[in-house]
């Protein structure tokens, strides 16, 4: 890599690329079995042997610290003691691949350290690709350009078209091929790419514009200045221009300053800053090497799970809102009941205001939630729930009244008139030949009698069928 004038120099760049996807209905257990066949290991905190397996040499995530960082009700969801469909089920695999990205501005050697796959409630999953730029001294612009190119699953820019990934003897022109044909071959068949009612991912399973979320730790050389412009560029993944010069997507110092006030967490400034927006969550630090390792471990540990939980909240809330917008309120009675059930389940089990026990972690989590607008989305979903309850109560009361009126009239007519006319002929051994001598009114009475029996049976069977279908849908969720 060529050093660029006036560009901060890094000694470490650790990048995690997070890909949210929708899992095909009822395919969660099959995906879990496939991951185990492909060499992924179920991740549990009581297996301390995994503390330093996935993060590269010199980095270790304390399982005890991760558990203590979260409130018990949140830890139960994030770190289950056993495989539970109402929790985050993590499967991890060490890759240890040495690769390089060729760009018009230069070559970036990097390692793919490991991959995680999370199977979450609401048919949601996360794929994380953990990478490290394999160099001891390099400009920030190269790291940002690498991150921006790597996160693009499909080639949507000229810069994407001009970039190549080399891994061993294989070359990949598109990041999607590198991931799904090299890193996680068996995952593609489980992605829900259909345009289903209520599916947030309508034609592609990608979360935002076919690009992955980036979580990064940037370790700056001692003496480097972490300016507001540097923080802004890291947050926006502003890498390099075509000629190799550093690129900044804003020129107004006032705008950059206002942006940093909203998106920068500066409790440990000027040595360490955290930047958050909808596409990136990064830590920029010029601390000494020992402190830098501790900060990186946090990004791999509790902050990583905090980001995943924020993304999970965001996507599920959008998914629930989208289901509501697709409902045909006069026809989709079962879907309305399901939506009420899922909103109540999400609110009770997964969405809490207080999740993290430590002050600094709580403040960063609140900032992430604010950036994603999760609280506003949650208020919208709660209002949706109130509206659905009101509609369902009105609709069910009207339907009960109508049904009661019909059944009352039918019971009176068939019971008093029908049964009184033909009841004696239906006792004991029925003489069917006698019915040939019935009058018109007796035939009407007989018809009403059997219709009453049939209607009662049909209504009972319909309620049983509806209850069984509802329980089955919830089990398959």
Protein backbone atom coordinates (compact mmCIF):
# COMPACT_ATOMS: atom_id res chain seq x y z
CA UNK A 1 0.00 0.00 0.00
CA UNK A 2 1.22 3.48 -0.82
CA UNK A 3 1.13 6.06 1.96
CA UNK A 4 -1.20 8.95 1.20
CA UNK A 5 -0.31 12.43 2.34
CA UNK A 6 -2.52 13.82 5.18
CA UNK A 7 -4.17 10.44 5.70
CA UNK A 8 -4.09 8.95 9.24
CA UNK A 9 -2.06 5.78 9.56
CA UNK A 10 -3.45 2.64 11.19
CA UNK A 11 -1.74 -0.33 12.79
CA UNK A 12 -4.94 -2.41 13.12
CA UNK A 13 -8.22 -2.73 11.23
CA UNK A 14 -10.63 -5.41 12.44
CA UNK A 15 -13.86 -5.51 10.45
CA UNK A 16 -17.01 -7.57 10.94
CA UNK A 17 -19.50 -7.60 8.08
CA UNK A 18 -23.05 -8.45 9.14
CA UNK A 19 -25.62 -9.74 6.66
CA UNK A 20 -29.24 -10.01 7.91
CA UNK A 21 -31.38 -12.50 6.01
CA UNK A 22 -34.82 -14.04 6.13
CA UNK A 23 -35.02 -17.82 6.66
CA UNK A 24 -37.52 -19.86 4.69
CA UNK A 25 -40.60 -20.80 6.66
CA UNK A 26 -40.10 -23.97 8.76
CA UNK A 27 -36.45 -24.27 7.61
CA UNK A 28 -34.74 -23.23 10.87
CA UNK A 29 -34.01 -26.76 12.08
CA UNK A 30 -32.80 -27.84 8.64
CA UNK A 31 -30.44 -24.84 8.52
CA UNK A 32 -29.12 -25.74 11.96
CA UNK A 33 -28.42 -29.31 10.86
CA UNK A 34 -26.70 -28.08 7.67
CA UNK A 35 -24.45 -25.72 9.63
CA UNK A 36 -23.33 -28.54 11.90
CA UNK A 37 -22.55 -30.71 8.86
CA UNK A 38 -20.51 -27.84 7.41
CA UNK A 39 -18.30 -27.65 10.50
CA UNK A 40 -20.00 -24.84 12.43
CA UNK A 41 -19.86 -25.23 16.22
CA UNK A 42 -22.82 -24.27 18.44
CA UNK A 43 -21.73 -21.35 20.63
CA UNK A 44 -22.47 -21.50 24.37
CA UNK A 45 -20.91 -19.35 27.08
CA UNK A 46 -20.14 -22.34 29.30
CA UNK A 47 -17.70 -23.57 26.62
CA UNK A 48 -14.78 -21.34 27.58
CA UNK A 49 -12.51 -23.06 25.10
CA UNK A 50 -14.16 -20.89 22.43
CA UNK A 51 -13.09 -17.58 24.03
CA UNK A 52 -10.11 -17.06 21.74
CA UNK A 53 -10.92 -19.33 18.79
CA UNK A 54 -12.62 -16.93 16.40
CA UNK A 55 -10.98 -13.53 16.79
CA UNK A 56 -7.39 -13.81 15.61
CA UNK A 57 -4.08 -14.00 17.44
CA UNK A 58 -3.92 -11.94 20.60
CA UNK A 59 -7.67 -11.34 20.94
CA UNK A 60 -9.96 -13.03 23.44
CA UNK A 61 -13.59 -12.46 24.45
CA UNK A 62 -14.38 -13.28 28.07
CA UNK A 63 -17.62 -15.23 28.25
CA UNK A 64 -18.10 -14.24 31.89
CA UNK A 65 -17.76 -10.53 31.05
CA UNK A 66 -20.25 -10.86 28.20
CA UNK A 67 -22.84 -12.47 30.44
CA UNK A 68 -22.33 -9.88 33.20
CA UNK A 69 -22.71 -7.05 30.68
CA UNK A 70 -26.38 -7.85 30.05
CA UNK A 71 -29.40 -7.99 32.29
CA UNK A 72 -30.57 -11.56 33.01
CA UNK A 73 -33.63 -11.35 30.75
CA UNK A 74 -31.48 -10.12 27.85
CA UNK A 75 -28.72 -12.65 28.53
CA UNK A 76 -31.33 -15.41 28.39
CA UNK A 77 -32.12 -14.40 24.79
CA UNK A 78 -28.55 -13.68 23.65
CA UNK A 79 -26.74 -16.49 25.47
CA UNK A 80 -29.11 -19.46 25.90
CA UNK A 81 -27.99 -22.43 27.98
CA UNK A 82 -29.34 -24.79 25.35
CA UNK A 83 -30.74 -24.56 21.84
CA UNK A 84 -33.97 -22.58 22.17
CA UNK A 85 -36.04 -21.31 19.24
CA UNK A 86 -36.87 -18.13 21.19
CA UNK A 87 -33.21 -17.14 21.50
CA UNK A 88 -30.19 -16.22 19.38
CA UNK A 89 -28.67 -19.54 18.33
CA UNK A 90 -25.08 -18.90 17.24
CA UNK A 91 -22.96 -21.25 15.13
CA UNK A 92 -19.33 -20.33 14.44
CA UNK A 93 -16.50 -21.68 12.31
CA UNK A 94 -12.83 -20.74 12.04
CA UNK A 95 -11.75 -19.93 8.48
CA UNK A 96 -8.17 -18.66 8.70
CA UNK A 97 -8.09 -17.70 5.00
CA UNK A 98 -5.44 -15.40 3.58
CA UNK A 99 -6.92 -13.32 0.78
CA UNK A 100 -6.41 -10.03 -0.99
CA UNK A 101 -8.63 -7.44 -2.60
CA UNK A 102 -7.40 -5.85 -5.81
CA UNK A 103 -8.74 -2.33 -6.38
CA UNK A 104 -7.76 0.30 -8.95
CA UNK A 105 -6.11 2.28 -6.12
CA UNK A 106 -4.05 -0.67 -4.85
CA UNK A 107 -4.05 -4.09 -3.21
CA UNK A 108 -5.30 -4.86 0.32
CA UNK A 109 -4.19 -8.15 1.93
CA UNK A 110 -6.64 -9.43 4.51
CA UNK A 111 -7.60 -12.51 6.50
CA UNK A 112 -11.03 -14.04 6.90
CA UNK A 113 -10.75 -15.07 10.54
CA UNK A 114 -14.11 -16.75 11.10
CA UNK A 115 -17.81 -16.71 10.29
CA UNK A 116 -20.88 -16.72 12.54
CA UNK A 117 -24.43 -17.68 11.62
CA UNK A 118 -27.24 -16.73 13.99
CA UNK A 119 -30.68 -18.33 13.81
CA UNK A 120 -33.11 -15.96 15.51
CA UNK A 121 -36.86 -15.82 16.20
CA UNK A 122 -39.27 -14.45 13.56
CA UNK A 123 -37.53 -16.37 10.73
CA UNK A 124 -34.57 -13.98 10.94
CA UNK A 125 -30.88 -14.82 10.65
CA UNK A 126 -27.51 -13.05 10.71
CA UNK A 127 -24.30 -13.96 8.93
CA UNK A 128 -21.12 -12.34 10.25
CA UNK A 129 -17.81 -12.43 8.38
CA UNK A 130 -14.92 -11.52 10.66
CA UNK A 131 -11.91 -10.05 8.81
CA UNK A 132 -8.60 -8.35 9.58
CA UNK A 133 -6.42 -6.28 7.25
CA UNK A 134 -3.12 -8.14 7.15
CA UNK A 135 -0.63 -5.29 7.41
CA UNK A 136 1.21 -3.50 10.21
CA UNK A 137 1.04 0.04 8.84
CA UNK A 138 -1.46 1.36 6.30
CA UNK A 139 -3.57 4.47 5.59
CA UNK A 140 -7.10 4.81 6.89
CA UNK A 141 -8.38 5.40 3.34
CA UNK A 142 -7.38 1.88 2.27
CA UNK A 143 -9.25 0.35 5.21
CA UNK A 144 -12.39 2.39 4.48
CA UNK A 145 -12.28 1.64 0.76
CA UNK A 146 -11.82 -2.05 1.50
CA UNK A 147 -14.80 -2.00 3.88
CA UNK A 148 -17.01 -0.20 1.35
CA UNK A 149 -16.12 -2.65 -1.43
CA UNK A 150 -16.40 -5.75 0.75
CA UNK A 151 -19.86 -4.91 2.09
CA UNK A 152 -21.37 -4.59 -1.40
CA UNK A 153 -22.84 -8.01 -2.12
CA UNK A 154 -23.76 -7.05 -5.66
CA UNK A 155 -21.75 -4.82 -7.98
CA UNK A 156 -23.75 -1.59 -8.03
CA UNK A 157 -20.93 0.91 -8.61
CA UNK A 158 -18.05 1.15 -11.05
CA UNK A 159 -15.68 0.75 -8.12
CA UNK A 160 -17.37 -2.58 -7.28
CA UNK A 161 -17.03 -3.76 -10.87
CA UNK A 162 -13.33 -2.92 -10.85
CA UNK A 163 -12.58 -4.80 -7.61
CA UNK A 164 -11.56 -8.45 -7.33
CA UNK A 165 -11.17 -10.88 -4.45
CA UNK A 166 -8.37 -13.45 -4.62
CA UNK A 167 -8.49 -16.38 -2.19
CA UNK A 168 -6.01 -19.18 -2.81
CA UNK A 169 -6.19 -19.99 -6.50
CA UNK A 170 -9.73 -18.67 -6.92
CA UNK A 171 -10.81 -15.22 -8.08
CA UNK A 172 -14.22 -13.66 -7.40
CA UNK A 173 -15.66 -10.74 -9.34
CA UNK A 174 -18.59 -10.26 -6.97
CA UNK A 175 -18.71 -10.37 -3.18
CA UNK A 176 -21.89 -12.44 -3.23
CA UNK A 177 -20.02 -15.25 -5.00
CA UNK A 178 -17.12 -15.06 -2.56
CA UNK A 179 -19.48 -15.43 0.39
CA UNK A 180 -22.05 -17.95 -0.84
CA UNK A 181 -19.78 -20.05 -3.05
CA UNK A 182 -16.70 -20.05 -0.85
CA UNK A 183 -17.31 -19.13 2.80
CA UNK A 184 -20.82 -20.50 3.50
CA UNK A 185 -21.73 -22.73 0.57
CA UNK A 186 -24.83 -24.28 2.15
CA UNK A 187 -26.55 -21.08 3.31
CA UNK A 188 -27.99 -19.88 0.00
CA UNK A 189 -30.70 -22.54 -0.26
CA UNK A 190 -32.20 -21.43 3.08
CA UNK A 191 -32.55 -17.73 2.18
CA UNK A 192 -36.15 -16.68 1.73
CA UNK A 193 -36.15 -14.84 -1.58
CA UNK A 194 -39.85 -15.21 -2.32
CA UNK A 195 -42.28 -12.32 -2.28
CA UNK A 196 -44.50 -13.60 0.51
CA UNK A 197 -47.27 -11.75 2.33
CA UNK A 198 -45.78 -10.04 5.35
CA UNK A 199 -42.15 -10.66 4.37
CA UNK A 200 -39.92 -7.65 4.96
CA UNK A 201 -37.32 -8.90 2.46
CA UNK A 202 -39.52 -8.91 -0.61
CA UNK A 203 -37.41 -9.93 -3.62
CA UNK A 204 -33.95 -10.21 -2.06
CA UNK A 205 -33.08 -11.18 1.51
CA UNK A 206 -30.77 -8.20 1.93
CA UNK A 207 -31.40 -5.60 4.58
CA UNK A 208 -30.29 -2.32 3.00
CA UNK A 209 -29.50 -1.88 -0.69
CA UNK A 210 -27.68 -5.23 -1.03
CA UNK A 211 -24.99 -4.05 1.39
CA UNK A 212 -23.84 -5.49 4.68
CA UNK A 213 -23.60 -3.71 8.00
CA UNK A 214 -20.00 -2.93 9.05
CA UNK A 215 -18.70 -3.11 12.61
CA UNK A 216 -15.06 -2.07 12.83
CA UNK A 217 -12.18 -1.29 15.16
CA UNK A 218 -9.53 1.09 13.78
CA UNK A 219 -6.30 1.29 15.75
CA UNK A 220 -4.37 4.50 14.91
CA UNK A 221 -0.63 4.94 15.16
CA UNK A 222 0.55 6.85 18.22
CA UNK A 223 0.44 10.61 17.65
CA UNK A 224 -2.25 10.53 14.95
CA UNK A 225 -5.07 13.03 15.33
CA UNK A 226 -8.62 11.64 15.25
CA UNK A 227 -10.38 14.69 13.89
CA UNK A 228 -14.09 15.22 13.32
CA UNK A 229 -13.53 14.72 9.60
CA UNK A 230 -11.77 11.41 10.31
CA UNK A 231 -14.71 10.26 12.44
CA UNK A 232 -17.16 11.33 9.76
CA UNK A 233 -15.25 9.47 7.03
CA UNK A 234 -15.07 6.30 9.15
CA UNK A 235 -18.80 6.46 9.80
CA UNK A 236 -19.66 7.03 6.14
CA UNK A 237 -17.00 4.62 4.80
CA UNK A 238 -15.50 7.40 2.70
CA UNK A 239 -12.41 5.70 1.27
CA UNK A 240 -10.56 6.92 -1.79
CA UNK A 241 -11.20 8.71 -5.03
CA UNK A 242 -10.28 7.05 -8.32
CA UNK A 243 -6.85 8.73 -8.23
CA UNK A 244 -6.14 7.36 -4.74
CA UNK A 245 -6.67 10.55 -2.74
CA UNK A 246 -8.76 10.42 0.46
CA UNK A 247 -12.45 11.00 -0.15
CA UNK A 248 -14.92 12.87 2.05
CA UNK A 249 -18.59 12.90 1.12
CA UNK A 250 -19.21 16.30 2.76
CA UNK A 251 -17.34 19.59 2.46
CA UNK A 252 -19.13 21.70 5.08
CA UNK A 253 -17.29 21.77 8.40
CA UNK A 254 -20.52 22.89 10.07
CA UNK A 255 -22.38 19.86 8.69
CA UNK A 256 -19.58 17.48 9.74
CA UNK A 257 -19.56 19.00 13.22
CA UNK A 258 -23.33 18.65 13.60
CA UNK A 259 -23.15 15.07 12.31
CA UNK A 260 -20.50 14.16 14.88
CA UNK A 261 -22.55 15.71 17.68
CA UNK A 262 -25.41 13.37 16.80
CA UNK A 263 -23.48 10.21 15.90
CA UNK A 264 -20.25 10.31 17.92
CA UNK A 265 -19.83 8.92 21.43
CA UNK A 266 -16.87 10.78 22.89
CA UNK A 267 -16.65 9.73 26.52
CA UNK A 268 -12.98 8.75 26.08
CA UNK A 269 -11.99 11.43 23.58
CA UNK A 270 -9.69 12.60 22.17
CA UNK A 271 -8.03 9.16 22.26
CA UNK A 272 -11.07 6.99 21.55
CA UNK A 273 -14.38 7.64 19.78
CA UNK A 274 -17.33 5.48 18.79
CA UNK A 275 -19.34 6.31 15.67
CA UNK A 276 -22.82 4.97 14.95
CA UNK A 277 -25.15 5.20 11.99
CA UNK A 278 -27.46 2.84 10.10
CA UNK A 279 -24.64 1.23 8.09
CA UNK A 280 -21.63 1.33 10.41
CA UNK A 281 -20.66 1.01 14.05
CA UNK A 282 -16.98 1.64 14.61
CA UNK A 283 -14.41 2.40 17.28
CA UNK A 284 -11.49 4.71 16.45
CA UNK A 285 -8.65 4.70 18.98
CA UNK A 286 -5.05 5.88 19.24
CA UNK A 287 -4.59 4.23 22.65
CA UNK A 288 -1.58 2.11 23.54
CA UNK A 289 -1.47 -1.48 22.29
CA UNK A 290 -2.75 -3.03 25.53
CA UNK A 291 -5.79 -0.73 25.65
CA UNK A 292 -6.39 -1.22 21.93
CA UNK A 293 -6.64 -5.00 22.43
CA UNK A 294 -9.18 -4.51 25.24
CA UNK A 295 -11.26 -2.19 23.05
CA UNK A 296 -11.16 -4.66 20.17
CA UNK A 297 -12.25 -7.48 22.50
CA UNK A 298 -15.24 -5.38 23.53
CA UNK A 299 -16.18 -4.84 19.87
CA UNK A 300 -15.98 -8.61 19.38
CA UNK A 301 -17.95 -9.27 22.56
CA UNK A 302 -20.65 -7.24 24.29
CA UNK A 303 -20.83 -4.44 21.69
CA UNK A 304 -21.16 -7.01 18.90
CA UNK A 305 -24.19 -8.54 20.59
CA UNK A 306 -25.60 -5.09 21.34
CA UNK A 307 -25.42 -4.25 17.64
CA UNK A 308 -27.05 -7.54 16.66
CA UNK A 309 -29.86 -6.95 19.14
CA UNK A 310 -30.42 -3.43 17.78
CA UNK A 311 -30.53 -4.77 14.22
CA UNK A 312 -32.89 -7.54 15.30
CA UNK A 313 -35.25 -5.00 16.88
CA UNK A 314 -35.14 -2.79 13.80
CA UNK A 315 -35.85 -5.56 11.30
CA UNK A 316 -38.59 -7.29 13.31
CA UNK A 317 -40.37 -3.97 13.94
CA UNK A 318 -40.22 -3.17 10.22
CA UNK A 319 -41.44 -6.67 9.43
CA UNK A 320 -44.41 -6.36 11.79
CA UNK A 321 -45.28 -2.94 10.35
CA UNK A 322 -45.08 -4.34 6.84
CA UNK A 323 -47.37 -7.26 7.73
CA UNK A 324 -49.94 -4.76 9.01
CA UNK A 325 -49.77 -2.71 5.83
CA UNK A 326 -50.49 -5.82 3.72
CA UNK A 327 -53.50 -7.01 5.70
CA UNK A 328 -56.88 -7.13 4.01
CA UNK A 329 -58.77 -6.14 7.09
CA UNK A 330 -62.08 -7.65 5.98
CA UNK A 331 -60.66 -11.05 4.98
CA UNK A 332 -57.39 -11.92 6.75
CA UNK A 333 -58.84 -12.86 10.12
CA UNK A 334 -56.23 -15.52 10.90
CA UNK A 335 -53.40 -13.19 9.87
CA UNK A 336 -54.77 -10.51 12.21
CA UNK A 337 -54.73 -12.96 15.12
CA UNK A 338 -51.18 -14.03 14.21
CA UNK A 339 -50.01 -10.42 14.04
CA UNK A 340 -51.49 -9.67 17.47
CA UNK A 341 -49.73 -12.76 18.84
CA UNK A 342 -46.34 -11.84 17.31
CA UNK A 343 -46.48 -8.22 18.48
CA UNK A 344 -47.28 -9.35 22.03
CA UNK A 345 -44.51 -11.96 21.88
CA UNK A 346 -41.93 -9.45 20.63
CA UNK A 347 -42.93 -6.86 23.23
CA UNK A 348 -42.88 -9.34 26.12
CA UNK A 349 -39.76 -11.37 25.29
CA UNK A 350 -37.40 -9.25 23.21
CA UNK A 351 -37.91 -5.50 23.57
CA UNK A 352 -36.72 -4.01 26.87
CA UNK A 353 -35.58 -0.49 27.65
CA UNK A 354 -32.88 -1.66 30.05
CA UNK A 355 -30.66 -4.39 28.59
CA UNK A 356 -27.06 -3.60 29.51
CA UNK A 357 -25.85 -3.34 33.09
CA UNK A 358 -22.68 -1.25 32.51
CA UNK A 359 -23.01 2.51 32.06
CA UNK A 360 -20.82 2.95 28.97
CA UNK A 361 -22.37 -0.05 27.22
CA UNK A 362 -25.86 1.21 28.04
CA UNK A 363 -25.10 4.65 26.58
CA UNK A 364 -23.73 3.16 23.36
CA UNK A 365 -26.73 0.83 23.09
CA UNK A 366 -29.12 3.78 23.55
CA UNK A 367 -27.26 5.64 20.81
CA UNK A 368 -27.60 2.67 18.46
CA UNK A 369 -31.30 2.41 19.21
CA UNK A 370 -31.71 6.13 18.59
CA UNK A 371 -29.87 5.93 15.25
CA UNK A 372 -32.09 3.06 14.09
CA UNK A 373 -35.23 4.81 15.31
CA UNK A 374 -36.34 1.68 17.16
CA UNK A 375 -38.30 3.51 19.86
CA UNK A 376 -40.41 5.36 17.28
CA UNK A 377 -40.99 2.11 15.40
CA UNK A 378 -41.98 0.37 18.62
CA UNK A 379 -44.51 3.10 19.43
CA UNK A 380 -45.96 2.67 15.95
CA UNK A 381 -46.23 -1.09 16.42
CA UNK A 382 -47.88 -0.64 19.84
CA UNK A 383 -50.45 1.68 18.24
CA UNK A 384 -51.00 -0.97 15.56
CA UNK A 385 -51.66 -3.50 18.32
CA UNK A 386 -54.19 -1.19 20.00
CA UNK A 387 -55.96 -0.62 16.65
CA UNK A 388 -56.04 -4.35 15.92
CA UNK A 389 -57.45 -5.12 19.37
CA UNK A 390 -60.15 -2.50 18.89
CA UNK A 391 -61.03 -3.77 15.43
CA UNK A 392 -60.99 -7.41 16.52
CA UNK A 393 -63.20 -6.68 19.52
CA UNK A 394 -65.74 -4.80 17.37
CA UNK A 395 -65.65 -7.39 14.61
CA UNK A 396 -65.94 -10.38 16.94
CA UNK A 397 -68.79 -8.77 18.89
CA UNK A 398 -70.68 -8.11 15.65
CA UNK A 399 -70.03 -11.65 14.42
CA UNK A 400 -71.13 -13.13 17.76
CA UNK A 401 -74.34 -11.11 17.69
CA UNK A 402 -75.13 -12.17 14.12
CA UNK A 403 -74.30 -15.80 14.80
CA UNK A 404 -76.30 -15.81 18.01
CA UNK A 405 -79.33 -14.36 16.24
CA UNK A 406 -79.11 -16.91 13.41
CA UNK A 407 -78.60 -19.83 15.79
CA UNK A 408 -81.41 -18.67 18.05
CA UNK A 409 -83.86 -18.42 15.17
CA UNK A 410 -82.65 -21.69 13.69
CA UNK A 411 -82.82 -23.47 17.06
CA UNK A 412 -86.31 -22.25 17.77
CA UNK A 413 -87.62 -23.18 14.33
CA UNK A 414 -85.82 -26.53 14.02
CA UNK A 415 -86.22 -27.48 17.66
CA UNK A 416 -89.81 -26.52 18.33
CA UNK A 417 -91.27 -26.92 14.88
CA UNK A 418 -89.00 -29.55 13.32
CA UNK A 419 -88.44 -31.87 16.24
CA UNK A 420 -92.09 -31.76 17.31
CA UNK A 421 -93.17 -32.82 13.82
CA UNK A 422 -90.85 -35.79 13.24
CA UNK A 423 -89.22 -36.59 16.59
CA UNK A 424 -91.34 -39.71 17.21
CA UNK A 425 -90.33 -41.21 13.84
CA UNK A 426 -86.60 -40.77 14.62
CA UNK A 427 -86.64 -42.82 17.82
CA UNK A 428 -85.27 -46.36 18.03
CA UNK A 429 -85.23 -48.32 14.79
CA UNK A 430 -86.14 -45.76 12.15
CA UNK A 431 -88.78 -46.80 9.64
CA UNK A 432 -87.42 -44.95 6.57
CA UNK A 433 -90.38 -46.12 4.47
CA UNK A 434 -92.77 -44.13 6.61
CA UNK A 435 -91.08 -40.95 5.47
CA UNK A 436 -92.41 -41.52 1.97
CA UNK A 437 -95.87 -40.70 3.33
CA UNK A 438 -94.79 -37.36 4.88
CA UNK A 439 -96.61 -34.17 4.06
CA UNK A 440 -94.77 -31.12 2.74
CA UNK A 441 -94.55 -29.60 6.22
CA UNK A 442 -93.17 -32.83 7.67
CA UNK A 443 -90.45 -32.89 4.97
CA UNK A 444 -89.57 -29.31 5.90
CA UNK A 445 -89.40 -30.27 9.56
CA UNK A 446 -87.14 -33.27 8.76
CA UNK A 447 -84.85 -31.06 6.65
CA UNK A 448 -84.59 -28.48 9.43
CA UNK A 449 -83.74 -31.20 11.96
CA UNK A 450 -80.86 -32.62 9.93
CA UNK A 451 -79.67 -29.14 8.96
CA UNK A 452 -79.44 -28.26 12.65
CA UNK A 453 -77.32 -31.33 13.34
CA UNK A 454 -75.06 -30.65 10.34
CA UNK A 455 -74.62 -26.94 11.13
CA UNK A 456 -73.66 -27.74 14.74
CA UNK A 457 -71.14 -30.32 13.56
CA UNK A 458 -69.64 -27.98 10.94
CA UNK A 459 -69.26 -25.10 13.40
CA UNK A 460 -67.59 -27.39 15.94
CA UNK A 461 -65.18 -28.82 13.34
CA UNK A 462 -64.36 -25.35 12.01
CA UNK A 463 -63.43 -24.07 15.46
CA UNK A 464 -61.31 -27.16 16.13
CA UNK A 465 -59.56 -26.80 12.75
CA UNK A 466 -58.90 -23.10 13.35
CA UNK A 467 -57.42 -23.80 16.78
CA UNK A 468 -55.19 -26.60 15.48
CA UNK A 469 -53.95 -24.45 12.56
CA UNK A 470 -53.19 -21.56 14.88
CA UNK A 471 -51.16 -23.74 17.26
CA UNK A 472 -49.35 -25.37 14.34
CA UNK A 473 -48.40 -21.98 12.84
CA UNK A 474 -46.98 -20.82 16.16
CA UNK A 475 -44.98 -24.03 16.56
CA UNK A 476 -43.48 -23.57 13.09
CA UNK A 477 -42.58 -19.94 13.78
